[in-house]
Amino acid sequence: PAIGGVSVESGPTSASFTLGTRSGQVLQGPALIGMSGFGAMSNSSAF
């Protein structure tokens, strides 16, 4: 509930995440930011 805006820019080798809190809210201590979803492209098996 402390997080207001979220933006994600996805590229071939990286993804950039930016987030901000709502007015008067802060993030401190251990906190779950959220769940990041993505797709696995057709490729060979790998770690």
All heavy atoms as atom14 arrays in JSON, in Angstrom:
{
  "sequence": "PAIGGVSVESGPTSASFTLGTRSGQVLQGPALIGMSGFGAMSNSSAF",
  "atom14_mask": [
    [1, 1, 1, 1, 1, 1, 1, 0, 0, 0, 0, 0, 0, 0],
    [1, 1, 1, 1, 1, 0, 0, 0, 0, 0, 0, 0, 0, 0],
    [1, 1, 1, 1, 1, 1, 1, 1, 0, 0, 0, 0, 0, 0],
    [1, 1, 1, 1, 0, 0, 0, 0, 0, 0, 0, 0, 0, 0],
    [1, 1, 1, 1, 0, 0, 0, 0, 0, 0, 0, 0, 0, 0],
    [1, 1, 1, 1, 1, 1, 1, 0, 0, 0, 0, 0, 0, 0],
    [1, 1, 1, 1, 1, 1, 0, 0, 0, 0, 0, 0, 0, 0],
    [1, 1, 1, 1, 1, 1, 1, 0, 0, 0, 0, 0, 0, 0],
    [1, 1, 1, 1, 1, 1, 1, 1, 1, 0, 0, 0, 0, 0],
    [1, 1, 1, 1, 1, 1, 0, 0, 0, 0, 0, 0, 0, 0],
    [1, 1, 1, 1, 0, 0, 0, 0, 0, 0, 0, 0, 0, 0],
    [1, 1, 1, 1, 1, 1, 1, 0, 0, 0, 0, 0, 0, 0],
    [1, 1, 1, 1, 1, 1, 1, 0, 0, 0, 0, 0, 0, 0],
    [1, 1, 1, 1, 1, 1, 0, 0, 0, 0, 0, 0, 0, 0],
    [1, 1, 1, 1, 1, 0, 0, 0, 0, 0, 0, 0, 0, 0],
    [1, 1, 1, 1, 1, 1, 0, 0, 0, 0, 0, 0, 0, 0],
    [1, 1, 1, 1, 1, 1, 1, 1, 1, 1, 1, 0, 0, 0],
    [1, 1, 1, 1, 1, 1, 1, 0, 0, 0, 0, 0, 0, 0],
    [1, 1, 1, 1, 1, 1, 1, 1, 0, 0, 0, 0, 0, 0],
    [1, 1, 1, 1, 0, 0, 0, 0, 0, 0, 0, 0, 0, 0],
    [1, 1, 1, 1, 1, 1, 1, 0, 0, 0, 0, 0, 0, 0],
    [1, 1, 1, 1, 1, 1, 1, 1, 1, 1, 1, 0, 0, 0],
    [1, 1, 1, 1, 1, 1, 0, 0, 0, 0, 0, 0, 0, 0],
    [1, 1, 1, 1, 0, 0, 0, 0, 0, 0, 0, 0, 0, 0],
    [1, 1, 1, 1, 1, 1, 1, 1, 1, 0, 0, 0, 0, 0],
    [1, 1, 1, 1, 1, 1, 1, 0, 0, 0, 0, 0, 0, 0],
    [1, 1, 1, 1, 1, 1, 1, 1, 0, 0, 0, 0, 0, 0],
    [1, 1, 1, 1, 1, 1, 1, 1, 1, 0, 0, 0, 0, 0],
    [1, 1, 1, 1, 0, 0, 0, 0, 0, 0, 0, 0, 0, 0],
    [1, 1, 1, 1, 1, 1, 1, 0, 0, 0, 0, 0, 0, 0],
    [1, 1, 1, 1, 1, 0, 0, 0, 0, 0, 0, 0, 0, 0],
    [1, 1, 1, 1, 1, 1, 1, 1, 0, 0, 0, 0, 0, 0],
    [1, 1, 1, 1, 1, 1, 1, 1, 0, 0, 0, 0, 0, 0],
    [1, 1, 1, 1, 0, 0, 0, 0, 0, 0, 0, 0, 0, 0],
    [1, 1, 1, 1, 1, 1, 1, 1, 0, 0, 0, 0, 0, 0],
    [1, 1, 1, 1, 1, 1, 0, 0, 0, 0, 0, 0, 0, 0],
    [1, 1, 1, 1, 0, 0, 0, 0, 0, 0, 0, 0, 0, 0],
    [1, 1, 1, 1, 1, 1, 1, 1, 1, 1, 1, 0, 0, 0],
    [1, 1, 1, 1, 0, 0, 0, 0, 0, 0, 0, 0, 0, 0],
    [1, 1, 1, 1, 1, 0, 0, 0, 0, 0, 0, 0, 0, 0],
    [1, 1, 1, 1, 1, 1, 1, 1, 0, 0, 0, 0, 0, 0],
    [1, 1, 1, 1, 1, 1, 0, 0, 0, 0, 0, 0, 0, 0],
    [1, 1, 1, 1, 1, 1, 1, 1, 0, 0, 0, 0, 0, 0],
    [1, 1, 1, 1, 1, 1, 0, 0, 0, 0, 0, 0, 0, 0],
    [1, 1, 1, 1, 1, 1, 0, 0, 0, 0, 0, 0, 0, 0],
    [1, 1, 1, 1, 1, 0, 0, 0, 0, 0, 0, 0, 0, 0],
    [1, 1, 1, 1, 1, 1, 1, 1, 1, 1, 1, 0, 0, 0]
  ],
  "atom14_positions": [
    [[0.81, -1.24, 0.0], [0.0, 0.0, 0.0], [0.83, 1.27, 0.0], [0.31, 2.34, -0.33], [-0.82, -0.12, 1.28], [-0.03, -1.03, 2.17], [0.64, -2.0, 1.25], [0.0, 0.0, 0.0], [0.0, 0.0, 0.0], [0.0, 0.0, 0.0], [0.0, 0.0, 0.0], [0.0, 0.0, 0.0], [0.0, 0.0, 0.0], [0.0, 0.0, 0.0]],
    [[2.13, 1.18, 0.35], [2.96, 2.38, 0.37], [3.43, 2.79, -1.02], [3.82, 3.94, -1.24], [4.18, 2.16, 1.27], [0.0, 0.0, 0.0], [0.0, 0.0, 0.0], [0.0, 0.0, 0.0], [0.0, 0.0, 0.0], [0.0, 0.0, 0.0], [0.0, 0.0, 0.0], [0.0, 0.0, 0.0], [0.0, 0.0, 0.0], [0.0, 0.0, 0.0]],
    [[3.37, 1.87, -1.97], [3.88, 2.14, -3.31], [2.78, 2.77, -4.17], [1.66, 2.27, -4.23], [4.4, 0.85, -3.97], [5.58, 0.3, -3.16], [4.82, 1.1, -5.41], [6.14, -1.0, -3.67], [0.0, 0.0, 0.0], [0.0, 0.0, 0.0], [0.0, 0.0, 0.0], [0.0, 0.0, 0.0], [0.0, 0.0, 0.0], [0.0, 0.0, 0.0]],
    [[3.14, 3.88, -4.82], [2.17, 4.56, -5.69], [2.38, 4.23, -7.15], [1.6, 3.51, -7.76], [0.0, 0.0, 0.0], [0.0, 0.0, 0.0], [0.0, 0.0, 0.0], [0.0, 0.0, 0.0], [0.0, 0.0, 0.0], [0.0, 0.0, 0.0], [0.0, 0.0, 0.0], [0.0, 0.0, 0.0], [0.0, 0.0, 0.0], [0.0, 0.0, 0.0]],
    [[3.47, 4.72, -7.75], [3.7, 4.51, -9.17], [4.78, 3.48, -9.44], [5.75, 3.37, -8.7], [0.0, 0.0, 0.0], [0.0, 0.0, 0.0], [0.0, 0.0, 0.0], [0.0, 0.0, 0.0], [0.0, 0.0, 0.0], [0.0, 0.0, 0.0], [0.0, 0.0, 0.0], [0.0, 0.0, 0.0], [0.0, 0.0, 0.0], [0.0, 0.0, 0.0]],
    [[4.59, 2.7, -10.52], [5.55, 1.68, -10.94], [5.72, 1.76, -12.44], [4.73, 1.88, -13.18], [5.07, 0.26, -10.54], [6.0, -0.8, -11.13], [4.99, 0.12, -9.03], [0.0, 0.0, 0.0], [0.0, 0.0, 0.0], [0.0, 0.0, 0.0], [0.0, 0.0, 0.0], [0.0, 0.0, 0.0], [0.0, 0.0, 0.0], [0.0, 0.0, 0.0]],
    [[6.96, 1.7, -12.92], [7.21, 1.65, -14.36], [8.29, 0.62, -14.64], [9.22, 0.45, -13.85], [7.62, 3.02, -14.91], [8.86, 3.41, -14.4], [0.0, 0.0, 0.0], [0.0, 0.0, 0.0], [0.0, 0.0, 0.0], [0.0, 0.0, 0.0], [0.0, 0.0, 0.0], [0.0, 0.0, 0.0], [0.0, 0.0, 0.0], [0.0, 0.0, 0.0]],
    [[8.16, -0.07, -15.79], [9.1, -1.11, -16.18], [9.45, -0.91, -17.65], [8.56, -0.74, -18.49], [8.52, -2.52, -15.97], [9.55, -3.59, -16.37], [8.09, -2.71, -14.52], [0.0, 0.0, 0.0], [0.0, 0.0, 0.0], [0.0, 0.0, 0.0], [0.0, 0.0, 0.0], [0.0, 0.0, 0.0], [0.0, 0.0, 0.0], [0.0, 0.0, 0.0]],
    [[10.73, -0.94, -17.96], [11.2, -0.92, -19.33], [11.98, -2.2, -19.6], [12.97, -2.49, -18.94], [12.08, 0.31, -19.6], [11.35, 1.64, -19.49], [12.25, 2.82, -19.83], [13.4, 2.57, -20.26], [11.8, 3.96, -19.67], [0.0, 0.0, 0.0], [0.0, 0.0, 0.0], [0.0, 0.0, 0.0], [0.0, 0.0, 0.0], [0.0, 0.0, 0.0]],
    [[11.5, -2.98, -20.56], [12.06, -4.3, -20.83], [12.89, -4.28, -22.09], [12.48, -3.73, -23.12], [10.93, -5.33, -20.95], [11.44, -6.62, -21.18], [0.0, 0.0, 0.0], [0.0, 0.0, 0.0], [0.0, 0.0, 0.0], [0.0, 0.0, 0.0], [0.0, 0.0, 0.0], [0.0, 0.0, 0.0], [0.0, 0.0, 0.0], [0.0, 0.0, 0.0]],
    [[14.1, -4.87, -22.04], [14.98, -4.94, -23.19], [15.5, -6.35, -23.39], [15.16, -7.27, -22.65], [0.0, 0.0, 0.0], [0.0, 0.0, 0.0], [0.0, 0.0, 0.0], [0.0, 0.0, 0.0], [0.0, 0.0, 0.0], [0.0, 0.0, 0.0], [0.0, 0.0, 0.0], [0.0, 0.0, 0.0], [0.0, 0.0, 0.0], [0.0, 0.0, 0.0]],
    [[16.34, -6.57, -24.42], [16.82, -7.92, -24.72], [17.75, -8.5, -23.67], [17.84, -9.73, -23.54], [17.55, -7.75, -26.06], [17.91, -6.3, -26.11], [16.81, -5.58, -25.4], [0.0, 0.0, 0.0], [0.0, 0.0, 0.0], [0.0, 0.0, 0.0], [0.0, 0.0, 0.0], [0.0, 0.0, 0.0], [0.0, 0.0, 0.0], [0.0, 0.0, 0.0]],
    [[18.45, -7.66, -22.9], [19.37, -8.17, -21.89], [19.14, -7.59, -20.5], [19.88, -7.93, -19.57], [20.83, -7.87, -22.29], [21.01, -6.46, -22.42], [21.18, -8.55, -23.61], [0.0, 0.0, 0.0], [0.0, 0.0, 0.0], [0.0, 0.0, 0.0], [0.0, 0.0, 0.0], [0.0, 0.0, 0.0], [0.0, 0.0, 0.0], [0.0, 0.0, 0.0]],
    [[18.16, -6.72, -20.35], [17.92, -6.14, -19.03], [16.52, -5.55, -18.97], [15.89, -5.27, -20.0], [18.94, -5.06, -18.69], [18.81, -3.96, -19.58], [0.0, 0.0, 0.0], [0.0, 0.0, 0.0], [0.0, 0.0, 0.0], [0.0, 0.0, 0.0], [0.0, 0.0, 0.0], [0.0, 0.0, 0.0], [0.0, 0.0, 0.0], [0.0, 0.0, 0.0]],
    [[16.05, -5.37, -17.75], [14.79, -4.7, -17.49], [15.02, -3.67, -16.39], [15.69, -3.97, -15.39], [13.7, -5.69, -17.08], [0.0, 0.0, 0.0], [0.0, 0.0, 0.0], [0.0, 0.0, 0.0], [0.0, 0.0, 0.0], [0.0, 0.0, 0.0], [0.0, 0.0, 0.0], [0.0, 0.0, 0.0], [0.0, 0.0, 0.0], [0.0, 0.0, 0.0]],
    [[14.5, -2.46, -16.57], [14.67, -1.38, -15.61], [13.37, -1.14, -14.86], [12.3, -1.03, -15.48], [15.12, -0.1, -16.32], [16.37, -0.3, -16.96], [0.0, 0.0, 0.0], [0.0, 0.0, 0.0], [0.0, 0.0, 0.0], [0.0, 0.0, 0.0], [0.0, 0.0, 0.0], [0.0, 0.0, 0.0], [0.0, 0.0, 0.0], [0.0, 0.0, 0.0]],
    [[13.47, -1.03, -13.56], [12.29, -0.85, -12.69], [12.42, 0.46, -11.93], [13.49, 0.78, -11.39], [12.18, -2.01, -11.7], [12.03, -3.36, -12.33], [13.14, -4.04, -12.8], [10.78, -3.95, -12.45], [13.01, -5.29, -13.38], [10.64, -5.2, -13.02], [11.75, -5.87, -13.49], [0.0, 0.0, 0.0], [0.0, 0.0, 0.0], [0.0, 0.0, 0.0]],
    [[11.35, 1.22, -11.89], [11.3, 2.46, -11.13], [9.99, 2.5, -10.35], [8.92, 2.21, -10.91], [11.38, 3.69, -12.06], [12.58, 3.62, -12.84], [11.37, 4.97, -11.26], [0.0, 0.0, 0.0], [0.0, 0.0, 0.0], [0.0, 0.0, 0.0], [0.0, 0.0, 0.0], [0.0, 0.0, 0.0], [0.0, 0.0, 0.0], [0.0, 0.0, 0.0]],
    [[10.08, 2.86, -9.08], [8.86, 2.94, -8.26], [8.98, 4.1, -7.29], [10.07, 4.51, -6.9], [8.59, 1.63, -7.55], [9.66, 1.08, -6.6], [9.43, 1.56, -5.17], [9.67, -0.43, -6.63], [0.0, 0.0, 0.0], [0.0, 0.0, 0.0], [0.0, 0.0, 0.0], [0.0, 0.0, 0.0], [0.0, 0.0, 0.0], [0.0, 0.0, 0.0]],
    [[7.84, 4.61, -6.9], [7.76, 5.7, -5.93], [6.65, 5.45, -4.95], [5.68, 4.73, -5.24], [0.0, 0.0, 0.0], [0.0, 0.0, 0.0], [0.0, 0.0, 0.0], [0.0, 0.0, 0.0], [0.0, 0.0, 0.0], [0.0, 0.0, 0.0], [0.0, 0.0, 0.0], [0.0, 0.0, 0.0], [0.0, 0.0, 0.0], [0.0, 0.0, 0.0]],
    [[6.77, 6.03, -3.77], [5.76, 5.83, -2.75], [4.67, 6.88, -2.86], [4.84, 7.93, -3.49], [6.39, 5.89, -1.35], [7.0, 7.18, -1.18], [7.44, 4.82, -1.18], [0.0, 0.0, 0.0], [0.0, 0.0, 0.0], [0.0, 0.0, 0.0], [0.0, 0.0, 0.0], [0.0, 0.0, 0.0], [0.0, 0.0, 0.0], [0.0, 0.0, 0.0]],
    [[3.55, 6.6, -2.22], [2.46, 7.56, -2.16], [2.85, 8.71, -1.23], [3.78, 8.59, -0.44], [1.18, 6.88, -1.65], [0.71, 5.72, -2.52], [-0.54, 5.09, -1.93], [-0.92, 3.88, -2.67], [-1.62, 3.89, -3.79], [-2.05, 5.05, -4.3], [-1.93, 2.75, -4.41], [0.0, 0.0, 0.0], [0.0, 0.0, 0.0], [0.0, 0.0, 0.0]],
    [[2.14, 9.8, -1.34], [2.42, 10.97, -0.52], [2.35, 10.62, 0.96], [1.37, 10.04, 1.43], [1.42, 12.08, -0.84], [1.64, 13.21, -0.02], [0.0, 0.0, 0.0], [0.0, 0.0, 0.0], [0.0, 0.0, 0.0], [0.0, 0.0, 0.0], [0.0, 0.0, 0.0], [0.0, 0.0, 0.0], [0.0, 0.0, 0.0], [0.0, 0.0, 0.0]],
    [[3.41, 10.96, 1.67], [3.44, 10.7, 3.1], [3.84, 9.29, 3.47], [3.91, 8.96, 4.66], [0.0, 0.0, 0.0], [0.0, 0.0, 0.0], [0.0, 0.0, 0.0], [0.0, 0.0, 0.0], [0.0, 0.0, 0.0], [0.0, 0.0, 0.0], [0.0, 0.0, 0.0], [0.0, 0.0, 0.0], [0.0, 0.0, 0.0], [0.0, 0.0, 0.0]],
    [[4.13, 8.43, 2.48], [4.48, 7.04, 2.73], [5.97, 6.81, 2.45], [6.58, 7.5, 1.63], [3.65, 6.1, 1.85], [2.15, 6.18, 2.08], [1.76, 5.61, 3.43], [2.18, 4.51, 3.8], [0.97, 6.36, 4.18], [0.0, 0.0, 0.0], [0.0, 0.0, 0.0], [0.0, 0.0, 0.0], [0.0, 0.0, 0.0], [0.0, 0.0, 0.0]],
    [[6.56, 5.83, 3.14], [7.96, 5.46, 2.92], [8.06, 3.94, 2.93], [7.19, 3.23, 3.43], [8.9, 6.05, 3.99], [8.89, 7.57, 3.92], [8.53, 5.56, 5.38], [0.0, 0.0, 0.0], [0.0, 0.0, 0.0], [0.0, 0.0, 0.0], [0.0, 0.0, 0.0], [0.0, 0.0, 0.0], [0.0, 0.0, 0.0], [0.0, 0.0, 0.0]],
    [[9.17, 3.48, 2.39], [9.53, 2.06, 2.47], [10.72, 1.93, 3.4], [11.73, 2.6, 3.22], [9.88, 1.51, 1.09], [8.75, 1.43, 0.07], [9.3, 1.07, -1.3], [7.7, 0.4, 0.5], [0.0, 0.0, 0.0], [0.0, 0.0, 0.0], [0.0, 0.0, 0.0], [0.0, 0.0, 0.0], [0.0, 0.0, 0.0], [0.0, 0.0, 0.0]],
    [[10.59, 1.08, 4.42], [11.68, 0.88, 5.37], [11.54, -0.49, 6.0], [10.43, -1.01, 6.16], [11.68, 1.96, 6.45], [12.93, 1.93, 7.35], [13.04, 3.16, 8.23], [12.14, 4.01, 8.26], [14.16, 3.3, 8.93], [0.0, 0.0, 0.0], [0.0, 0.0, 0.0], [0.0, 0.0, 0.0], [0.0, 0.0, 0.0], [0.0, 0.0, 0.0]],
    [[12.71, -1.07, 6.38], [12.68, -2.42, 6.95], [12.49, -3.45, 5.86], [12.55, -3.15, 4.66], [0.0, 0.0, 0.0], [0.0, 0.0, 0.0], [0.0, 0.0, 0.0], [0.0, 0.0, 0.0], [0.0, 0.0, 0.0], [0.0, 0.0, 0.0], [0.0, 0.0, 0.0], [0.0, 0.0, 0.0], [0.0, 0.0, 0.0], [0.0, 0.0, 0.0]],
    [[12.23, -4.69, 6.23], [11.93, -5.7, 5.21], [10.53, -5.46, 4.63], [9.57, -5.28, 5.37], [12.01, -7.02, 5.98], [11.75, -6.66, 7.41], [12.29, -5.26, 7.58], [0.0, 0.0, 0.0], [0.0, 0.0, 0.0], [0.0, 0.0, 0.0], [0.0, 0.0, 0.0], [0.0, 0.0, 0.0], [0.0, 0.0, 0.0], [0.0, 0.0, 0.0]],
    [[10.44, -5.46, 3.32], [9.15, -5.2, 2.67], [9.1, -5.91, 1.33], [10.11, -5.98, 0.61], [8.93, -3.7, 2.47], [0.0, 0.0, 0.0], [0.0, 0.0, 0.0], [0.0, 0.0, 0.0], [0.0, 0.0, 0.0], [0.0, 0.0, 0.0], [0.0, 0.0, 0.0], [0.0, 0.0, 0.0], [0.0, 0.0, 0.0], [0.0, 0.0, 0.0]],
    [[7.95, -6.43, 0.99], [7.74, -7.02, -0.33], [7.38, -5.91, -1.3], [6.37, -5.22, -1.12], [6.62, -8.06, -0.27], [6.2, -8.65, -1.62], [7.33, -9.48, -2.24], [4.93, -9.51, -1.48], [0.0, 0.0, 0.0], [0.0, 0.0, 0.0], [0.0, 0.0, 0.0], [0.0, 0.0, 0.0], [0.0, 0.0, 0.0], [0.0, 0.0, 0.0]],
    [[8.21, -5.73, -2.3], [7.9, -4.74, -3.34], [6.76, -5.25, -4.21], [5.82, -4.53, -4.53], [9.15, -4.44, -4.18], [10.2, -3.72, -3.32], [8.79, -3.58, -5.39], [11.49, -3.44, -4.05], [0.0, 0.0, 0.0], [0.0, 0.0, 0.0], [0.0, 0.0, 0.0], [0.0, 0.0, 0.0], [0.0, 0.0, 0.0], [0.0, 0.0, 0.0]],
    [[6.85, -6.49, -4.64], [5.8, -7.06, -5.48], [6.29, -8.3, -6.19], [7.33, -8.87, -5.87], [0.0, 0.0, 0.0], [0.0, 0.0, 0.0], [0.0, 0.0, 0.0], [0.0, 0.0, 0.0], [0.0, 0.0, 0.0], [0.0, 0.0, 0.0], [0.0, 0.0, 0.0], [0.0, 0.0, 0.0], [0.0, 0.0, 0.0], [0.0, 0.0, 0.0]],
    [[5.53, -8.72, -7.21], [5.88, -9.87, -8.02], [6.22, -9.39, -9.43], [5.44, -8.67, -10.05], [4.72, -10.86, -8.07], [4.33, -11.44, -6.72], [5.65, -12.45, -5.96], [5.74, -13.8, -7.14], [0.0, 0.0, 0.0], [0.0, 0.0, 0.0], [0.0, 0.0, 0.0], [0.0, 0.0, 0.0], [0.0, 0.0, 0.0], [0.0, 0.0, 0.0]],
    [[7.39, -9.81, -9.9], [7.81, -9.45, -11.24], [7.54, -10.6, -12.19], [8.06, -11.71, -12.0], [9.31, -9.1, -11.24], [9.71, -8.66, -12.52], [0.0, 0.0, 0.0], [0.0, 0.0, 0.0], [0.0, 0.0, 0.0], [0.0, 0.0, 0.0], [0.0, 0.0, 0.0], [0.0, 0.0, 0.0], [0.0, 0.0, 0.0], [0.0, 0.0, 0.0]],
    [[6.72, -10.35, -13.2], [6.37, -11.38, -14.16], [7.17, -11.23, -15.45], [7.61, -10.13, -15.8], [0.0, 0.0, 0.0], [0.0, 0.0, 0.0], [0.0, 0.0, 0.0], [0.0, 0.0, 0.0], [0.0, 0.0, 0.0], [0.0, 0.0, 0.0], [0.0, 0.0, 0.0], [0.0, 0.0, 0.0], [0.0, 0.0, 0.0], [0.0, 0.0, 0.0]],
    [[7.33, -12.33, -16.17], [8.1, -12.31, -17.41], [7.83, -13.6, -18.19], [7.26, -14.56, -17.66], [9.6, -12.19, -17.12], [10.13, -13.26, -16.18], [10.74, -14.4, -16.68], [10.0, -13.12, -14.81], [11.21, -15.38, -15.83], [10.46, -14.1, -13.95], [11.06, -15.23, -14.46], [0.0, 0.0, 0.0], [0.0, 0.0, 0.0], [0.0, 0.0, 0.0]],
    [[8.23, -13.6, -19.44], [8.08, -14.78, -20.28], [9.44, -15.35, -20.65], [10.42, -14.61, -20.77], [0.0, 0.0, 0.0], [0.0, 0.0, 0.0], [0.0, 0.0, 0.0], [0.0, 0.0, 0.0], [0.0, 0.0, 0.0], [0.0, 0.0, 0.0], [0.0, 0.0, 0.0], [0.0, 0.0, 0.0], [0.0, 0.0, 0.0], [0.0, 0.0, 0.0]],
    [[9.5, -16.68, -20.81], [10.73, -17.35, -21.24], [10.67, -17.58, -22.74], [9.77, -18.25, -23.25], [10.89, -18.68, -20.5], [0.0, 0.0, 0.0], [0.0, 0.0, 0.0], [0.0, 0.0, 0.0], [0.0, 0.0, 0.0], [0.0, 0.0, 0.0], [0.0, 0.0, 0.0], [0.0, 0.0, 0.0], [0.0, 0.0, 0.0], [0.0, 0.0, 0.0]],
    [[11.63, -17.0, -23.44], [11.66, -17.12, -24.89], [12.12, -18.52, -25.3], [12.76, -19.23, -24.54], [12.59, -16.05, -25.47], [12.2, -14.63, -25.09], [13.42, -13.38, -25.53], [13.35, -13.47, -27.32], [0.0, 0.0, 0.0], [0.0, 0.0, 0.0], [0.0, 0.0, 0.0], [0.0, 0.0, 0.0], [0.0, 0.0, 0.0], [0.0, 0.0, 0.0]],
    [[11.78, -18.9, -26.52], [12.16, -20.22, -27.03], [13.67, -20.3, -27.17], [14.27, -19.57, -27.95], [11.48, -20.49, -28.37], [10.07, -20.54, -28.22], [0.0, 0.0, 0.0], [0.0, 0.0, 0.0], [0.0, 0.0, 0.0], [0.0, 0.0, 0.0], [0.0, 0.0, 0.0], [0.0, 0.0, 0.0], [0.0, 0.0, 0.0], [0.0, 0.0, 0.0]],
    [[14.27, -21.19, -26.39], [15.72, -21.31, -26.37], [16.05, -22.65, -25.73], [15.16, -23.42, -25.36], [16.35, -20.15, -25.59], [17.73, -19.8, -26.11], [18.51, -20.67, -26.45], [18.02, -18.5, -26.16], [0.0, 0.0, 0.0], [0.0, 0.0, 0.0], [0.0, 0.0, 0.0], [0.0, 0.0, 0.0], [0.0, 0.0, 0.0], [0.0, 0.0, 0.0]],
    [[17.32, -22.94, -25.57], [17.74, -24.2, -24.97], [17.56, -24.15, -23.46], [17.41, -23.09, -22.86], [19.2, -24.48, -25.32], [20.01, -23.42, -24.87], [0.0, 0.0, 0.0], [0.0, 0.0, 0.0], [0.0, 0.0, 0.0], [0.0, 0.0, 0.0], [0.0, 0.0, 0.0], [0.0, 0.0, 0.0], [0.0, 0.0, 0.0], [0.0, 0.0, 0.0]],
    [[17.6, -25.32, -22.84], [17.52, -25.4, -21.38], [18.76, -24.77, -20.76], [19.86, -24.88, -21.3], [17.43, -26.86, -20.94], [16.31, -27.5, -21.52], [0.0, 0.0, 0.0], [0.0, 0.0, 0.0], [0.0, 0.0, 0.0], [0.0, 0.0, 0.0], [0.0, 0.0, 0.0], [0.0, 0.0, 0.0], [0.0, 0.0, 0.0], [0.0, 0.0, 0.0]],
    [[18.58, -24.1, -19.62], [19.73, -23.44, -18.99], [19.37, -22.97, -17.59], [18.19, -22.75, -17.26], [20.19, -22.24, -19.82], [0.0, 0.0, 0.0], [0.0, 0.0, 0.0], [0.0, 0.0, 0.0], [0.0, 0.0, 0.0], [0.0, 0.0, 0.0], [0.0, 0.0, 0.0], [0.0, 0.0, 0.0], [0.0, 0.0, 0.0], [0.0, 0.0, 0.0]],
    [[20.41, -22.85, -16.75], [20.3, -22.16, -15.48], [20.64, -20.7, -15.75], [21.79, -20.37, -16.04], [21.26, -22.75, -14.45], [20.97, -24.18, -14.08], [21.67, -25.22, -14.68], [20.0, -24.48, -13.14], [21.42, -26.54, -14.34], [19.73, -25.79, -12.8], [20.44, -26.83, -13.39], [0.0, 0.0, 0.0], [0.0, 0.0, 0.0], [0.0, 0.0, 0.0]]
  ]
}
